[in-house]
């Protein structure tokens, strides 16, 4: 037991101590140590996953900024063209700033420093504010976006709702078909936000993987179905 415990490192955190044959105090101690090792491993995996997620999210605006700057230095342009491109860079910097704030808040919540809030959230205004981020992509793919949300407040964590809605609609636009339709609706009876989209269907064998972060099937394998819906209870 001592030899096994001494050999556990970050790379072998999943190692478990062998349980004694007899269920005595030594057995209980070993089980307690194994439970502790399991919790430590879960904490380390969450930390690694968070780092991976943060890197993934931050790369997108950085890539957009780099691409815009590379275009700018290729040749001389009119002042209006520079102004347009620089405005785009500022928008990406603002997006990056928001991402960092969101990631910091998520880190605090996952670590238990803060808890999700239960506060009044003006959903209609929140969706309206997010629409400015989706507008260009929606127009490029010819997707129609309908929003049917009452103006009065709902309760929840504004930051979480903003992140969830932004990710759902972003993915619907990115992976949905052209000329598709996205509907964000409020179901008063269920007191929930219903999100329906023309989407790509996942065959049953892939369903266990859909909640894995960044899981993605081959685009060539995807087939369209009539609609897919998610419900967020507020």
Protein backbone atom coordinates (compact mmCIF):
# COMPACT_ATOMS: atom_id res chain seq x y z
CA UNK A 1 0.00 0.00 0.00
CA UNK A 2 2.77 2.44 0.95
CA UNK A 3 4.73 1.58 -2.21
CA UNK A 4 1.65 2.13 -4.42
CA UNK A 5 0.71 5.41 -2.73
CA UNK A 6 4.29 6.71 -2.98
CA UNK A 7 4.34 6.01 -6.72
CA UNK A 8 1.21 8.02 -7.52
CA UNK A 9 1.94 11.11 -9.65
CA UNK A 10 -0.11 13.53 -11.76
CA UNK A 11 0.13 11.09 -14.66
CA UNK A 12 -1.05 8.11 -12.58
CA UNK A 13 -3.66 9.84 -10.44
CA UNK A 14 -6.25 7.26 -11.50
CA UNK A 15 -4.38 4.56 -9.61
CA UNK A 16 -6.35 2.92 -6.81
CA UNK A 17 -4.95 1.06 -3.81
CA UNK A 18 -5.73 -2.64 -3.59
CA UNK A 19 -8.40 -3.34 -0.99
CA UNK A 20 -7.59 -5.89 1.73
CA UNK A 21 -9.47 -9.17 1.67
CA UNK A 22 -11.02 -8.62 5.09
CA UNK A 23 -13.34 -5.69 5.82
CA UNK A 24 -11.64 -4.31 8.89
CA UNK A 25 -10.30 -0.87 9.89
CA UNK A 26 -7.47 -1.23 7.38
CA UNK A 27 -10.05 -1.91 4.64
CA UNK A 28 -12.01 1.22 5.60
CA UNK A 29 -8.83 3.31 5.59
CA UNK A 30 -7.87 2.05 2.13
CA UNK A 31 -11.36 2.75 0.79
CA UNK A 32 -11.25 6.27 2.23
CA UNK A 33 -7.88 6.91 0.57
CA UNK A 34 -9.22 5.61 -2.76
CA UNK A 35 -12.23 7.93 -2.49
CA UNK A 36 -9.90 10.85 -1.79
CA UNK A 37 -7.72 9.94 -4.78
CA UNK A 38 -10.84 9.79 -6.94
CA UNK A 39 -11.94 13.27 -5.88
CA UNK A 40 -8.46 14.66 -6.50
CA UNK A 41 -8.43 13.08 -9.96
CA UNK A 42 -11.84 14.58 -10.80
CA UNK A 43 -10.66 18.01 -9.66
CA UNK A 44 -7.52 17.77 -11.80
CA UNK A 45 -9.54 16.64 -14.83
CA UNK A 46 -11.92 19.59 -14.41
CA UNK A 47 -8.95 21.93 -14.21
CA UNK A 48 -7.41 20.48 -17.38
CA UNK A 49 -10.75 20.62 -19.19
CA UNK A 50 -11.27 24.23 -18.16
CA UNK A 51 -7.82 25.15 -19.47
CA UNK A 52 -8.63 23.42 -22.76
CA UNK A 53 -12.00 25.16 -23.02
CA UNK A 54 -10.49 28.55 -22.24
CA UNK A 55 -7.83 28.07 -24.91
CA UNK A 56 -10.46 27.02 -27.45
CA UNK A 57 -12.70 30.02 -26.75
CA UNK A 58 -9.89 32.57 -26.77
CA UNK A 59 -8.38 31.36 -30.04
CA UNK A 60 -11.43 32.39 -32.09
CA UNK A 61 -11.26 36.18 -31.55
CA UNK A 62 -7.45 36.09 -31.66
CA UNK A 63 -7.57 34.33 -35.04
CA UNK A 64 -10.04 36.95 -36.32
CA UNK A 65 -7.78 39.78 -35.14
CA UNK A 66 -4.72 38.20 -36.74
CA UNK A 67 -6.56 37.62 -40.01
CA UNK A 68 -7.75 41.22 -40.17
CA UNK A 69 -4.28 42.59 -39.45
CA UNK A 70 -2.74 40.36 -42.13
CA UNK A 71 -5.24 41.72 -44.65
CA UNK A 72 -4.43 45.30 -43.64
CA UNK A 73 -0.68 45.01 -44.21
CA UNK A 74 -0.94 43.45 -47.66
CA UNK A 75 -1.45 46.77 -49.42
CA UNK A 76 -2.25 50.44 -48.97
CA UNK A 77 -5.94 51.19 -48.51
CA UNK A 78 -8.31 54.10 -48.32
CA UNK A 79 -8.86 55.61 -44.84
CA UNK A 80 -12.45 54.32 -44.83
CA UNK A 81 -11.23 50.76 -45.37
CA UNK A 82 -8.79 51.07 -42.49
CA UNK A 83 -11.53 52.43 -40.28
CA UNK A 84 -13.82 49.51 -41.13
CA UNK A 85 -11.15 46.90 -40.42
CA UNK A 86 -10.03 48.56 -37.19
CA UNK A 87 -13.64 48.70 -36.02
CA UNK A 88 -13.83 44.96 -36.59
CA UNK A 89 -10.68 44.46 -34.52
CA UNK A 90 -12.16 46.51 -31.68
CA UNK A 91 -15.27 44.32 -31.75
CA UNK A 92 -13.11 41.20 -31.45
CA UNK A 93 -11.16 42.76 -28.57
CA UNK A 94 -14.47 43.50 -26.83
CA UNK A 95 -15.52 39.90 -27.44
CA UNK A 96 -12.25 38.66 -25.98
CA UNK A 97 -12.75 40.88 -22.95
CA UNK A 98 -16.23 39.44 -22.39
CA UNK A 99 -14.89 35.91 -22.80
CA UNK A 100 -12.26 36.48 -20.13
CA UNK A 101 -14.89 37.83 -17.74
CA UNK A 102 -17.11 34.81 -18.43
CA UNK A 103 -14.28 32.32 -18.00
CA UNK A 104 -13.26 33.96 -14.74
CA UNK A 105 -16.82 33.74 -13.43
CA UNK A 106 -17.12 30.11 -14.53
CA UNK A 107 -13.84 29.30 -12.77
CA UNK A 108 -15.17 30.85 -9.56
CA UNK A 109 -18.39 28.87 -9.78
CA UNK A 110 -16.67 25.55 -10.57
CA UNK A 111 -14.28 26.07 -7.66
CA UNK A 112 -17.19 26.79 -5.32
CA UNK A 113 -16.10 30.38 -4.61
CA UNK A 114 -19.41 31.70 -5.98
CA UNK A 115 -22.71 30.03 -6.82
CA UNK A 116 -25.05 30.55 -9.81
CA UNK A 117 -27.35 33.48 -9.16
CA UNK A 118 -31.14 33.47 -9.07
CA UNK A 119 -31.91 36.98 -10.22
CA UNK A 120 -34.41 38.75 -12.52
CA UNK A 121 -33.20 38.48 -16.11
CA UNK A 122 -34.77 40.43 -19.01
CA UNK A 123 -34.60 37.54 -21.48
CA UNK A 124 -35.96 39.51 -24.42
CA UNK A 125 -33.33 42.22 -23.96
CA UNK A 126 -30.62 39.60 -23.46
CA UNK A 127 -31.47 37.84 -26.73
CA UNK A 128 -31.75 41.18 -28.52
CA UNK A 129 -28.26 42.12 -27.33
CA UNK A 130 -26.84 38.79 -28.49
CA UNK A 131 -28.46 39.13 -31.91
CA UNK A 132 -25.88 41.72 -32.94
CA UNK A 133 -23.26 38.95 -32.67
CA UNK A 134 -25.31 36.56 -34.82
CA UNK A 135 -26.61 38.99 -37.43
CA UNK A 136 -23.86 38.71 -40.05
CA UNK A 137 -23.60 34.91 -39.85
CA UNK A 138 -27.38 34.54 -40.05
CA UNK A 139 -27.55 36.72 -43.15
CA UNK A 140 -24.69 34.90 -44.89
CA UNK A 141 -26.43 31.51 -44.58
CA UNK A 142 -29.91 32.88 -45.21
CA UNK A 143 -31.17 31.58 -41.88
CA UNK A 144 -34.35 33.04 -40.42
CA UNK A 145 -34.22 33.68 -36.69
CA UNK A 146 -37.49 34.10 -34.79
CA UNK A 147 -37.74 35.20 -31.16
CA UNK A 148 -40.98 34.95 -29.17
CA UNK A 149 -40.10 35.95 -25.63
CA UNK A 150 -42.22 38.18 -23.34
CA UNK A 151 -40.71 41.47 -22.19
CA UNK A 152 -41.06 40.77 -18.47
CA UNK A 153 -38.18 39.37 -16.44
CA UNK A 154 -37.45 35.70 -15.74
CA UNK A 155 -35.26 34.34 -12.98
CA UNK A 156 -31.89 32.71 -13.44
CA UNK A 157 -28.20 33.46 -13.80
CA UNK A 158 -27.80 36.07 -16.52
CA UNK A 159 -24.22 35.09 -17.32
CA UNK A 160 -25.07 31.40 -17.67
CA UNK A 161 -28.14 32.10 -19.81
CA UNK A 162 -26.10 34.37 -22.06
CA UNK A 163 -23.35 31.78 -22.51
CA UNK A 164 -25.81 28.93 -23.16
CA UNK A 165 -27.91 30.87 -25.66
CA UNK A 166 -24.87 32.25 -27.44
CA UNK A 167 -23.30 28.79 -27.81
CA UNK A 168 -26.54 27.12 -28.93
CA UNK A 169 -27.34 29.68 -31.60
CA UNK A 170 -23.71 29.94 -32.71
CA UNK A 171 -23.59 26.17 -33.27
CA UNK A 172 -27.00 26.17 -34.95
CA UNK A 173 -25.76 28.76 -37.43
CA UNK A 174 -22.38 27.11 -37.93
CA UNK A 175 -23.61 23.54 -38.42
CA UNK A 176 -27.20 24.08 -39.55
CA UNK A 177 -28.17 24.08 -43.19
CA UNK A 178 -28.56 27.18 -45.33
CA UNK A 179 -32.04 28.72 -45.51
CA UNK A 180 -32.83 27.01 -42.20
CA UNK A 181 -34.84 28.38 -39.31
CA UNK A 182 -34.06 28.99 -35.65
CA UNK A 183 -36.82 29.70 -33.13
CA UNK A 184 -36.29 30.90 -29.56
CA UNK A 185 -39.64 30.66 -27.79
CA UNK A 186 -40.97 30.98 -24.25
CA UNK A 187 -43.26 28.26 -22.90
CA UNK A 188 -45.29 29.90 -20.13
CA UNK A 189 -46.88 26.63 -19.03
CA UNK A 190 -43.52 24.95 -18.43
CA UNK A 191 -41.82 28.25 -17.51
CA UNK A 192 -39.01 27.34 -19.83
CA UNK A 193 -37.14 28.72 -22.78
CA UNK A 194 -37.68 26.51 -25.81
CA UNK A 195 -35.04 26.52 -28.49
CA UNK A 196 -35.93 24.87 -31.80
CA UNK A 197 -33.78 24.72 -34.90
CA UNK A 198 -33.45 23.14 -38.28
CA UNK A 199 -30.48 20.98 -37.40
CA UNK A 200 -28.30 18.06 -38.27
CA UNK A 201 -29.46 14.81 -36.69
CA UNK A 202 -27.30 12.56 -34.54
CA UNK A 203 -27.88 8.83 -35.01
CA UNK A 204 -28.68 6.96 -31.81
CA UNK A 205 -25.21 5.44 -31.46
CA UNK A 206 -23.71 8.94 -31.14
CA UNK A 207 -26.14 10.22 -28.49
CA UNK A 208 -23.97 9.15 -25.50
CA UNK A 209 -21.26 11.53 -26.76
CA UNK A 210 -23.28 14.69 -27.36
CA UNK A 211 -22.57 16.14 -23.90
CA UNK A 212 -18.82 15.61 -24.25
CA UNK A 213 -17.17 18.97 -24.75
CA UNK A 214 -16.18 19.67 -28.35
CA UNK A 215 -17.48 16.28 -29.54
CA UNK A 216 -18.11 16.56 -33.26
CA UNK A 217 -19.09 14.08 -35.91
CA UNK A 218 -17.76 14.19 -39.43
CA UNK A 219 -19.66 16.75 -41.46
CA UNK A 220 -19.90 14.22 -44.28
CA UNK A 221 -21.84 11.86 -42.01
CA UNK A 222 -24.43 14.40 -40.92
CA UNK A 223 -27.97 14.27 -42.20
CA UNK A 224 -30.67 16.87 -41.81
CA UNK A 225 -33.84 16.31 -39.89
CA UNK A 226 -36.87 18.51 -39.51
CA UNK A 227 -36.04 20.01 -36.15
CA UNK A 228 -34.20 19.60 -32.90
CA UNK A 229 -35.26 21.24 -29.65
CA UNK A 230 -33.64 22.09 -26.32
CA UNK A 231 -35.41 23.41 -23.25
CA UNK A 232 -33.93 25.72 -20.62
CA UNK A 233 -35.98 26.05 -17.43
CA UNK A 234 -35.95 29.55 -15.96
